Amino acid sequence: MPLTSKKIFILIFCACLLALNAAAFEFSLKINGGWGWMNAGDLNKSISGWRQYYEDRQGPSFSSTYSVREMHGTYEVGTEAAVRLSSRWSIGLGISFLPFSRKGEISTKLATQENYTHSQTQWGTVSLEETTSQSPSYEIETVPLTLSIYYLLPLGGKYHLCLGGGGGLYLGRYSYKEEYSYRFNYIDDQYSANSSVQYVDDYSSAGEYSETAKTQAFGLHATAALDIRISPAFFISFEVLGRWVNLGGWEGEKTDSYDWSHIWGLWGAYSDNGDVEESYDGKLWRVDVRSNQSGKSYPHLVFSEEEPVSADYAAVKPANVSLSGFSARIGFKFKFGKG
């Protein structure tokens, strides 16, 4: 979300207000808020893809919980300054803020046990338990900077229907964060006629992972509003807006910080531990990942410096988070100047 774009818009916005105040034009200032819905594109496909993956893996040795829901609805706030061009036509500059967020919990457990026999005097049992825990948090913040043209249709009395449309620059910010833990515990109990030994391989880690990325894109919108005149200079506005915009080309940074410990060998004789911190720049990609366990492919988001390449990846492309959707708003409009 380049800061220069914000500064340019604010300067133009302020200049227009000063110019309108100095001239004898009729102009209005509207402050509104409401609820918005978006499609979210590849982001929601990834969320639902992970859910389907875990559902398909459920079985006697594997269990999971997944409580992350798709992102669609949010509140929004905004303001717009408009100047009257004629008795029916006006033009407006607007800025609004749409924050989408979603949190959840994911846990998995794989547990197996197998007995084996090498001979009548050598046998054993292998036990494996692998567990994961994640607390993902998604955020999409969008700031639309819009230019609109409106047509005013009087309905009689204090009611006016305002139809409009236009385009704008949509500044987007994506954030993904999670706290996670992982444990792999492998035990091989080996028996013979006169003795027994145990081989251990126990690895665990816990940390925090995050991705942040920004982008900007041009979008279109159309709107219809019913304005109710309360006084000559004050209106209440009920508005419905539809927008068409795709946010792609996400670029940013990935960070991962975790502690780990490892115990292995006969009777767990060896051990080691440490901590890791790493970060690098990259882009957000959408891939179809093939699972060896289910034999199916699932859409996922992948953060990578270059286009990700793997034998299990297909349909690799830059991630697209679609903001296309609609908003329902209520606002207060103040009219200034002559008219």
Protein backbone atom coordinates (compact mmCIF):
# COMPACT_ATOMS: atom_id res chain seq x y z
CA MET A 1 0.00 0.00 0.00
CA PRO A 2 2.37 2.75 -1.19
CA LEU A 3 2.32 5.80 1.05
CA THR A 4 2.76 8.11 -1.92
CA SER A 5 -0.66 7.09 -3.29
CA LYS A 6 -2.28 8.06 -0.01
CA LYS A 7 -0.51 11.40 0.09
CA ILE A 8 -1.49 12.24 -3.48
CA PHE A 9 -5.13 11.43 -2.84
CA ILE A 10 -5.23 13.42 0.41
CA LEU A 11 -3.68 16.44 -1.27
CA ILE A 12 -6.18 16.28 -4.15
CA PHE A 13 -9.04 15.76 -1.72
CA CYS A 14 -8.06 18.77 0.42
CA ALA A 15 -7.42 20.93 -2.61
CA CYS A 16 -10.89 20.16 -3.95
CA LEU A 17 -12.51 21.05 -0.63
CA LEU A 18 -10.61 24.34 -0.42
CA ALA A 19 -11.47 25.20 -4.00
CA LEU A 20 -15.13 24.41 -3.49
CA ASN A 21 -15.24 26.45 -0.31
CA ALA A 22 -13.69 29.41 -2.04
CA ALA A 23 -16.04 29.24 -4.99
CA ALA A 24 -19.80 29.61 -4.79
CA PHE A 25 -20.59 26.00 -5.69
CA GLU A 26 -22.93 23.63 -3.93
CA PHE A 27 -21.13 20.65 -2.52
CA SER A 28 -21.78 17.97 0.06
CA LEU A 29 -19.90 15.84 2.54
CA LYS A 30 -21.17 12.34 3.32
CA ILE A 31 -20.04 10.13 6.21
CA ASN A 32 -21.25 6.55 6.10
CA GLY A 33 -20.81 3.09 7.51
CA GLY A 34 -22.29 -0.34 7.06
CA TRP A 35 -21.62 -3.93 6.15
CA GLY A 36 -19.72 -5.30 3.16
CA TRP A 37 -19.36 -8.72 1.53
CA MET A 38 -16.52 -9.93 -0.69
CA ASN A 39 -15.79 -13.04 -2.73
CA ALA A 40 -12.12 -13.26 -1.54
CA GLY A 41 -11.13 -15.50 -4.47
CA ASP A 42 -8.02 -17.64 -3.90
CA LEU A 43 -7.91 -16.83 -0.18
CA ASN A 44 -11.24 -18.54 0.52
CA LYS A 45 -10.36 -21.34 -1.89
CA SER A 46 -7.24 -22.01 0.20
CA ILE A 47 -9.20 -21.97 3.48
CA SER A 48 -11.79 -24.40 2.12
CA GLY A 49 -9.06 -26.47 0.44
CA TRP A 50 -7.34 -27.09 3.77
CA ARG A 51 -10.67 -28.04 5.34
CA GLN A 52 -11.35 -30.59 2.60
CA TYR A 53 -7.82 -31.99 2.87
CA TYR A 54 -8.20 -32.70 6.59
CA GLU A 55 -11.67 -34.18 6.09
CA ASP A 56 -10.38 -36.52 3.40
CA ARG A 57 -7.52 -37.71 5.62
CA GLN A 58 -9.74 -38.70 8.55
CA GLY A 59 -9.33 -42.38 9.39
CA PRO A 60 -8.47 -44.91 12.09
CA SER A 61 -4.93 -43.58 12.56
CA PHE A 62 -5.46 -39.87 11.71
CA SER A 63 -7.76 -37.31 13.34
CA SER A 64 -8.02 -33.54 13.06
CA THR A 65 -10.01 -30.47 14.03
CA TYR A 66 -10.40 -27.45 11.75
CA SER A 67 -12.34 -24.35 12.83
CA VAL A 68 -11.26 -21.77 10.24
CA ARG A 69 -14.20 -20.31 8.30
CA GLU A 70 -14.11 -18.51 4.98
CA MET A 71 -13.86 -14.71 4.90
CA HIS A 72 -16.80 -12.80 3.46
CA GLY A 73 -18.48 -10.15 5.61
CA THR A 74 -17.13 -7.11 7.45
CA TYR A 75 -18.03 -3.65 8.61
CA GLU A 76 -16.88 -0.64 6.62
CA VAL A 77 -16.63 3.12 7.08
CA GLY A 78 -16.05 5.92 4.59
CA THR A 79 -16.51 9.51 3.59
CA GLU A 80 -17.09 11.30 0.28
CA ALA A 81 -17.05 14.92 -0.89
CA ALA A 82 -19.19 15.72 -3.94
CA VAL A 83 -19.75 18.84 -6.04
CA ARG A 84 -22.97 19.63 -7.88
CA LEU A 85 -22.38 20.04 -11.63
CA SER A 86 -26.01 20.75 -12.54
CA SER A 87 -29.49 20.22 -11.13
CA ARG A 88 -29.18 16.47 -11.79
CA TRP A 89 -25.47 15.64 -12.06
CA SER A 90 -22.67 15.64 -9.47
CA ILE A 91 -19.19 14.20 -9.06
CA GLY A 92 -17.57 12.89 -5.90
CA LEU A 93 -14.24 11.82 -4.39
CA GLY A 94 -14.38 9.17 -1.68
CA ILE A 95 -12.24 7.12 0.65
CA SER A 96 -13.32 4.13 2.71
CA PHE A 97 -11.87 1.33 4.82
CA LEU A 98 -12.81 -2.37 4.66
CA PRO A 99 -11.07 -4.69 7.16
CA PHE A 100 -11.70 -8.43 6.77
CA SER A 101 -10.39 -10.89 9.36
CA ARG A 102 -10.72 -14.50 10.37
CA LYS A 103 -9.21 -16.59 13.20
CA GLY A 104 -9.39 -20.26 13.99
CA GLU A 105 -7.72 -23.36 15.38
CA ILE A 106 -6.26 -26.41 13.64
CA SER A 107 -4.96 -29.59 15.27
CA THR A 108 -3.96 -32.99 13.90
CA LYS A 109 -2.87 -36.31 15.35
CA LEU A 110 -1.38 -39.31 13.58
CA ALA A 111 -0.90 -42.41 15.76
CA THR A 112 0.17 -45.88 14.62
CA GLN A 113 1.55 -48.97 16.27
CA GLU A 114 2.92 -52.08 14.58
CA ASN A 115 4.34 -55.32 15.88
CA TYR A 116 7.06 -57.11 13.95
CA THR A 117 9.00 -60.36 14.16
CA HIS A 118 12.47 -60.98 12.76
CA SER A 119 12.82 -64.48 14.16
CA GLN A 120 11.63 -66.60 17.05
CA THR A 121 14.15 -64.85 19.27
CA GLN A 122 13.85 -61.26 17.90
CA TRP A 123 10.67 -59.22 17.82
CA GLY A 124 9.49 -55.72 18.61
CA THR A 125 6.91 -52.94 18.48
CA VAL A 126 7.14 -49.67 16.58
CA SER A 127 5.02 -46.75 17.84
CA LEU A 128 4.62 -43.46 16.00
CA GLU A 129 2.76 -40.36 17.12
CA GLU A 130 2.83 -37.07 15.20
CA THR A 131 0.84 -34.04 16.41
CA THR A 132 0.42 -30.46 15.19
CA SER A 133 -1.35 -27.41 16.56
CA GLN A 134 -1.93 -24.10 14.76
CA SER A 135 -3.84 -20.88 15.49
CA PRO A 136 -4.09 -19.12 12.11
CA SER A 137 -5.20 -15.51 11.78
CA TYR A 138 -6.01 -13.94 8.38
CA GLU A 139 -6.46 -10.22 7.71
CA ILE A 140 -7.27 -8.30 4.54
CA GLU A 141 -7.39 -4.51 4.82
CA THR A 142 -8.49 -2.48 1.81
CA VAL A 143 -8.63 1.29 1.29
CA PRO A 144 -10.61 2.24 -1.85
CA LEU A 145 -9.92 5.73 -3.26
CA THR A 146 -12.87 6.34 -5.58
CA LEU A 147 -14.12 8.81 -8.17
CA SER A 148 -17.87 8.67 -8.89
CA ILE A 149 -20.42 10.45 -11.04
CA TYR A 150 -24.05 10.65 -9.85
CA TYR A 151 -27.47 11.30 -11.37
CA LEU A 152 -30.14 12.71 -9.04
CA LEU A 153 -33.73 11.63 -9.58
CA PRO A 154 -36.30 13.46 -7.39
CA LEU A 155 -39.06 11.17 -6.14
CA GLY A 156 -41.24 13.91 -4.75
CA GLY A 157 -41.30 15.55 -1.36
CA LYS A 158 -38.22 14.88 0.72
CA TYR A 159 -37.05 11.77 -1.15
CA HIS A 160 -34.32 11.61 -3.82
CA LEU A 161 -32.89 8.61 -5.67
CA CYS A 162 -29.19 8.95 -6.46
CA LEU A 163 -27.72 6.58 -9.08
CA GLY A 164 -23.99 6.50 -9.65
CA GLY A 165 -20.92 4.67 -10.81
CA GLY A 166 -17.21 5.09 -11.31
CA GLY A 167 -13.83 3.61 -10.56
CA GLY A 168 -11.04 3.82 -8.07
CA LEU A 169 -7.68 2.72 -6.80
CA TYR A 170 -7.88 -0.08 -4.23
CA LEU A 171 -4.94 -0.32 -1.83
CA GLY A 172 -4.70 -3.77 -0.24
CA ARG A 173 -2.79 -5.26 2.67
CA TYR A 174 -2.69 -9.01 3.46
CA SER A 175 -1.54 -10.52 6.74
CA TYR A 176 -1.31 -14.11 7.90
CA LYS A 177 -0.05 -15.05 11.37
CA GLU A 178 -0.01 -18.23 13.39
CA GLU A 179 1.41 -19.72 16.54
CA TYR A 180 2.22 -23.38 16.01
CA SER A 181 3.68 -26.47 17.63
CA TYR A 182 4.83 -29.78 16.17
CA ARG A 183 5.95 -33.09 17.68
CA PHE A 184 7.22 -36.28 16.09
CA ASN A 185 7.70 -39.18 18.51
CA TYR A 186 9.03 -42.52 17.17
CA ILE A 187 9.80 -45.43 19.51
CA ASP A 188 11.11 -48.85 18.49
CA ASP A 189 11.03 -51.38 21.33
CA GLN A 190 13.24 -54.30 20.31
CA TYR A 191 13.15 -57.60 22.21
CA SER A 192 15.23 -60.75 22.18
CA ALA A 193 15.30 -63.86 24.33
CA ASN A 194 17.64 -62.34 26.89
CA SER A 195 17.38 -58.52 26.52
CA SER A 196 15.49 -55.52 25.24
CA VAL A 197 16.49 -52.14 23.84
CA GLN A 198 14.58 -49.05 22.87
CA TYR A 199 15.40 -46.73 19.99
CA VAL A 200 13.98 -43.21 20.29
CA ASP A 201 13.53 -40.42 17.76
CA ASP A 202 11.67 -37.51 19.39
CA TYR A 203 11.58 -34.08 17.72
CA SER A 204 9.47 -31.08 18.75
CA SER A 205 9.26 -27.42 17.77
CA ALA A 206 7.10 -24.38 18.58
CA GLY A 207 7.10 -20.89 17.19
CA GLU A 208 5.45 -18.04 15.34
CA TYR A 209 5.05 -17.67 11.58
CA SER A 210 3.80 -14.66 9.61
CA GLU A 211 3.30 -13.36 6.08
CA THR A 212 2.57 -9.75 5.09
CA ALA A 213 2.03 -8.48 1.57
CA LYS A 214 0.68 -5.40 -0.20
CA THR A 215 -0.76 -4.59 -3.59
CA GLN A 216 -2.97 -2.12 -5.44
CA ALA A 217 -5.44 -2.46 -8.30
CA PHE A 218 -8.04 -0.49 -10.22
CA GLY A 219 -11.70 -1.40 -9.74
CA LEU A 220 -15.19 -0.37 -10.81
CA HIS A 221 -18.34 0.23 -8.80
CA ALA A 222 -22.03 1.11 -9.17
CA THR A 223 -24.31 2.50 -6.50
CA ALA A 224 -27.92 3.42 -5.74
CA ALA A 225 -28.89 5.55 -2.75
CA LEU A 226 -32.12 6.83 -1.30
CA ASP A 227 -31.56 10.26 0.26
CA ILE A 228 -34.12 11.55 2.76
CA ARG A 229 -34.06 15.29 3.42
CA ILE A 230 -34.29 16.08 7.13
CA SER A 231 -33.51 19.78 6.67
CA PRO A 232 -32.32 21.91 3.74
CA ALA A 233 -28.70 21.08 4.60
CA PHE A 234 -28.95 17.62 6.17
CA PHE A 235 -29.89 14.23 4.64
CA ILE A 236 -29.96 10.62 5.75
CA SER A 237 -28.77 8.26 3.01
CA PHE A 238 -29.45 4.52 2.54
CA GLU A 239 -27.08 3.09 -0.07
CA VAL A 240 -26.32 -0.18 -1.84
CA LEU A 241 -23.02 -0.49 -3.73
CA GLY A 242 -21.62 -3.22 -5.98
CA ARG A 243 -17.91 -3.41 -6.82
CA TRP A 244 -15.74 -5.36 -9.23
CA VAL A 245 -12.05 -5.52 -8.34
CA ASN A 246 -9.37 -8.23 -8.22
CA LEU A 247 -6.31 -7.73 -6.03
CA GLY A 248 -3.32 -9.60 -7.46
CA GLY A 249 0.44 -9.16 -7.56
CA TRP A 250 0.88 -9.48 -3.78
CA GLU A 251 4.47 -8.83 -2.61
CA GLY A 252 5.86 -8.72 0.90
CA GLU A 253 7.80 -10.59 3.56
CA LYS A 254 7.66 -13.93 5.35
CA THR A 255 9.09 -14.53 8.85
CA ASP A 256 9.46 -17.70 10.91
CA SER A 257 10.81 -17.92 14.45
CA TYR A 258 10.83 -21.17 16.44
CA ASP A 259 12.59 -23.25 19.09
CA TRP A 260 13.32 -26.93 18.56
CA SER A 261 14.60 -29.93 20.48
CA HIS A 262 15.67 -33.39 19.32
CA ILE A 263 16.26 -36.58 21.32
CA TRP A 264 17.38 -39.74 19.54
CA GLY A 265 19.39 -42.95 19.77
CA LEU A 266 19.28 -46.02 22.01
CA TRP A 267 17.35 -45.09 25.14
CA GLY A 268 17.40 -41.48 23.93
CA ALA A 269 21.11 -41.15 24.61
CA TYR A 270 21.62 -38.12 22.35
CA SER A 271 19.94 -34.73 22.43
CA ASP A 272 20.20 -31.31 20.90
CA ASN A 273 18.17 -28.10 20.79
CA GLY A 274 18.23 -24.63 19.32
CA ASP A 275 16.27 -21.74 17.92
CA VAL A 276 15.80 -20.43 14.39
CA GLU A 277 14.82 -17.03 13.04
CA GLU A 278 14.48 -16.49 9.31
CA SER A 279 12.80 -14.06 6.95
CA TYR A 280 12.78 -13.29 3.26
CA ASP A 281 10.90 -11.29 0.67
CA GLY A 282 8.53 -12.99 -1.71
CA LYS A 283 5.17 -13.12 -3.43
CA LEU A 284 1.86 -14.81 -2.75
CA TRP A 285 1.02 -17.70 -5.08
CA ARG A 286 -1.94 -19.98 -5.58
CA VAL A 287 -1.16 -23.66 -6.25
CA ASP A 288 -3.04 -26.94 -6.47
CA VAL A 289 -1.24 -29.37 -4.15
CA ARG A 290 -1.60 -33.09 -4.69
CA SER A 291 -1.80 -35.18 -1.51
CA ASN A 292 -0.17 -38.59 -1.46
CA GLN A 293 -2.50 -39.66 1.35
CA SER A 294 -5.83 -38.89 -0.36
CA GLY A 295 -4.71 -38.86 -4.00
CA LYS A 296 -6.58 -35.57 -4.55
CA SER A 297 -5.45 -32.00 -5.25
CA TYR A 298 -6.31 -29.02 -3.06
CA PRO A 299 -5.93 -25.26 -3.64
CA HIS A 300 -3.46 -23.61 -1.27
CA LEU A 301 -1.74 -20.24 -0.91
CA VAL A 302 2.07 -20.42 -0.92
CA PHE A 303 4.48 -17.59 -0.10
CA SER A 304 7.62 -17.90 -2.22
CA GLU A 305 10.34 -15.66 -3.60
CA GLU A 306 10.01 -17.25 -7.03
CA GLU A 307 7.27 -19.27 -8.69
CA PRO A 308 7.05 -22.43 -6.52
CA VAL A 309 8.07 -25.66 -8.23
CA SER A 310 7.27 -29.15 -6.96
CA ALA A 311 6.26 -32.50 -8.39
CA ASP A 312 3.08 -32.17 -6.29
CA TYR A 313 2.21 -28.65 -7.52
CA ALA A 314 -0.08 -27.81 -10.45
CA ALA A 315 -1.91 -24.74 -11.77
CA VAL A 316 0.63 -22.36 -10.20
CA LYS A 317 -0.29 -18.68 -10.61
CA PRO A 318 -0.10 -15.38 -8.67
CA ALA A 319 -2.73 -15.29 -5.93
CA ASN A 320 -5.87 -13.26 -6.60
CA VAL A 321 -7.94 -11.98 -3.67
CA SER A 322 -11.21 -10.80 -5.20
CA LEU A 323 -12.83 -7.84 -3.47
CA SER A 324 -15.80 -8.13 -5.82
CA GLY A 325 -19.02 -8.00 -3.85
CA PHE A 326 -21.46 -5.49 -2.42
CA SER A 327 -22.00 -3.14 0.51
CA ALA A 328 -25.07 -1.88 2.34
CA ARG A 329 -24.53 1.50 4.00
CA ILE A 330 -26.28 4.19 5.99
CA GLY A 331 -24.84 7.68 6.01
CA PHE A 332 -25.29 11.32 6.89
CA LYS A 333 -24.97 13.91 4.15
CA PHE A 334 -24.28 17.58 4.82
CA LYS A 335 -24.86 20.14 2.06
CA PHE A 336 -22.89 23.39 1.81
CA GLY A 337 -22.88 26.37 -0.54
CA LYS A 338 -25.68 27.79 -2.61
CA GLY A 339 -28.55 25.80 -4.03
